[in-house]
Protein backbone atom coordinates (compact mmCIF):
# COMPACT_ATOMS: atom_id res chain seq x y z
CA UNK A 1 -48.36 30.45 -114.85
CA UNK A 2 -48.55 26.61 -116.71
CA UNK A 3 -49.79 23.84 -114.32
CA UNK A 4 -47.97 20.96 -113.48
CA UNK A 5 -49.03 17.48 -115.28
CA UNK A 6 -50.89 15.80 -112.52
CA UNK A 7 -49.86 12.09 -112.82
CA UNK A 8 -50.31 8.80 -110.85
CA UNK A 9 -47.32 6.38 -110.76
CA UNK A 10 -48.03 2.83 -111.09
CA UNK A 11 -46.39 0.48 -109.12
CA UNK A 12 -44.21 -1.01 -111.86
CA UNK A 13 -42.65 2.16 -112.49
CA UNK A 14 -41.69 2.66 -108.54
CA UNK A 15 -40.79 -1.42 -109.12
CA UNK A 16 -38.35 -0.51 -112.30
CA UNK A 17 -36.70 2.48 -110.59
CA UNK A 18 -35.76 1.05 -107.48
CA UNK A 19 -34.11 -2.18 -109.09
CA UNK A 20 -32.08 0.12 -111.78
CA UNK A 21 -30.84 3.42 -112.33
CA UNK A 22 -30.10 3.39 -115.40
CA UNK A 23 -33.93 3.51 -117.03
CA UNK A 24 -36.41 5.77 -117.44
CA UNK A 25 -38.69 4.81 -114.28
CA UNK A 26 -35.29 5.68 -112.32
CA UNK A 27 -34.67 9.39 -114.51
CA UNK A 28 -38.90 9.88 -113.64
CA UNK A 29 -38.20 8.59 -109.68
CA UNK A 30 -35.38 11.24 -109.27
CA UNK A 31 -37.50 14.54 -110.74
CA UNK A 32 -40.30 13.47 -107.65
CA UNK A 33 -39.75 16.67 -105.78
CA UNK A 34 -38.65 18.88 -108.49
CA UNK A 35 -41.72 20.26 -109.56
CA UNK A 36 -41.80 18.71 -113.29
CA UNK A 37 -45.00 17.20 -112.09
CA UNK A 38 -47.68 16.71 -109.53
CA UNK A 39 -47.45 13.24 -108.06
CA UNK A 40 -50.99 12.17 -107.28
CA UNK A 41 -51.29 9.34 -104.30
CA UNK A 42 -54.28 7.77 -102.18
CA UNK A 43 -54.12 5.08 -99.21
CA UNK A 44 -54.59 2.36 -101.26
CA UNK A 45 -51.86 3.25 -103.46
CA UNK A 46 -49.07 4.12 -100.99
CA UNK A 47 -50.40 0.49 -99.27
CA UNK A 48 -49.74 -0.81 -102.62
CA UNK A 49 -46.56 0.60 -102.71
CA UNK A 50 -45.45 -0.55 -99.66
CA UNK A 51 -46.86 -3.98 -100.13
CA UNK A 52 -45.26 -4.75 -103.41
CA UNK A 53 -41.73 -3.02 -102.74
CA UNK A 54 -41.20 -5.32 -99.61
CA UNK A 55 -41.71 -8.58 -101.13
CA UNK A 56 -37.85 -8.88 -101.08
CA UNK A 57 -37.14 -8.60 -105.20
CA UNK A 58 -35.25 -5.38 -104.18
CA UNK A 59 -31.96 -4.73 -103.36
CA UNK A 60 -33.05 -2.64 -100.18
CA UNK A 61 -34.19 -2.69 -96.67
CA UNK A 62 -37.39 -2.46 -95.38
CA UNK A 63 -36.51 0.45 -93.71
CA UNK A 64 -35.18 1.97 -96.91
CA UNK A 65 -38.50 1.61 -98.46
CA UNK A 66 -39.97 3.25 -95.81
CA UNK A 67 -38.11 6.09 -96.63
CA UNK A 68 -38.37 5.86 -100.45
CA UNK A 69 -42.62 6.07 -100.05
CA UNK A 70 -41.98 8.74 -96.99
CA UNK A 71 -39.90 10.88 -99.66
CA UNK A 72 -42.98 10.36 -102.16
CA UNK A 73 -45.74 11.10 -99.71
CA UNK A 74 -44.11 14.17 -98.63
CA UNK A 75 -43.93 15.14 -102.40
CA UNK A 76 -47.70 14.27 -103.63
CA UNK A 77 -50.88 15.39 -103.15
CA UNK A 78 -53.45 13.00 -101.14
CA UNK A 79 -56.71 11.90 -102.33
CA UNK A 80 -59.31 9.91 -100.44
CA UNK A 81 -61.67 8.22 -102.75
CA UNK A 82 -65.51 7.87 -101.41
CA UNK A 83 -66.71 6.41 -104.86
CA UNK A 84 -65.58 2.95 -106.39
CA UNK A 85 -65.94 1.72 -109.89
CA UNK A 86 -65.03 -1.80 -110.25
CA UNK A 87 -64.70 -4.42 -112.00
CA UNK A 88 -63.69 -1.98 -114.95
CA UNK A 89 -60.45 -2.86 -115.97
CA UNK A 90 -58.60 -6.05 -117.23
CA UNK A 91 -57.08 -6.22 -113.67
CA UNK A 92 -59.27 -5.52 -111.22
CA UNK A 93 -56.76 -4.83 -108.48
CA UNK A 94 -55.65 -1.61 -111.12
CA UNK A 95 -59.14 -0.51 -110.86
CA UNK A 96 -58.02 1.80 -107.71
CA UNK A 97 -55.23 3.93 -109.73
CA UNK A 98 -57.87 4.39 -111.99
CA UNK A 99 -60.43 5.72 -109.34
CA UNK A 100 -56.95 7.94 -107.79
CA UNK A 101 -56.74 9.36 -111.53
CA UNK A 102 -60.27 10.36 -112.00
CA UNK A 103 -60.33 12.07 -108.74
CA UNK A 104 -57.03 13.69 -109.31
CA UNK A 105 -57.90 14.80 -113.04
CA UNK A 106 -53.99 12.57 -113.63
CA UNK A 107 -52.34 10.64 -116.16
CA UNK A 108 -51.12 7.31 -115.36
CA UNK A 109 -47.81 6.41 -115.85
CA UNK A 110 -47.05 2.43 -116.09
CA UNK A 111 -45.82 0.12 -118.42
CA UNK A 112 -48.71 -1.78 -118.87
CA UNK A 113 -50.15 0.16 -120.82
CA UNK A 114 -52.92 -2.87 -122.20
CA UNK A 115 -53.98 -3.28 -118.51
CA UNK A 116 -55.35 0.55 -119.05
CA UNK A 117 -57.30 0.61 -122.31
CA UNK A 118 -60.46 0.97 -120.49
CA UNK A 119 -59.45 4.49 -119.07
CA UNK A 120 -60.17 6.22 -122.02
CA UNK A 121 -64.15 6.61 -121.54
CA UNK A 122 -62.91 7.76 -118.10
CA UNK A 123 -61.06 11.04 -119.34
CA UNK A 124 -57.64 9.44 -118.47
CA UNK A 125 -54.78 9.68 -120.21
CA UNK A 126 -52.16 6.30 -119.47
CA UNK A 127 -48.99 6.84 -120.83
CA UNK A 128 -45.94 4.85 -120.62
CA UNK A 129 -42.78 6.34 -118.36
CA UNK A 130 -40.92 6.73 -121.91
CA UNK A 131 -43.01 8.89 -123.26
CA UNK A 132 -43.93 10.81 -120.26
CA UNK A 133 -40.19 11.87 -119.99
CA UNK A 134 -39.97 12.65 -123.35
CA UNK A 135 -43.08 15.46 -122.68
CA UNK A 136 -41.03 16.87 -119.91
CA UNK A 137 -37.80 16.99 -121.88
CA UNK A 138 -39.00 18.44 -125.16
CA UNK A 139 -42.39 20.35 -123.87
CA UNK A 140 -44.31 21.43 -127.26
């Protein structure tokens, strides 16, 4: 049996998905829980999801954001991170994503590919939501 791709969604993917139902990010978010990929989360990532999604930039109330986060957590594999490599990336606020991806042996799905250029020495693939969706829809 083939294993599911293991992925970490950068927060920008969720923001994009919740702003428009027309884009690639929304299509990926809609696939959570459908056994197309294994979403990976950690406490720092969930805390960032909550903080960013509740900034008031979305047409969602805080209780609706809580529902989205609860859904994601219910359909994700959870990881505790016991080691830190900081700073490694261009944006130090993204280092916890790299740490999660290393621990979970997962790819990072993000719209900000440039911010993760230094992830490859850690064996972490970084992929855009569009490219990841194409992989899911056209497996080789």
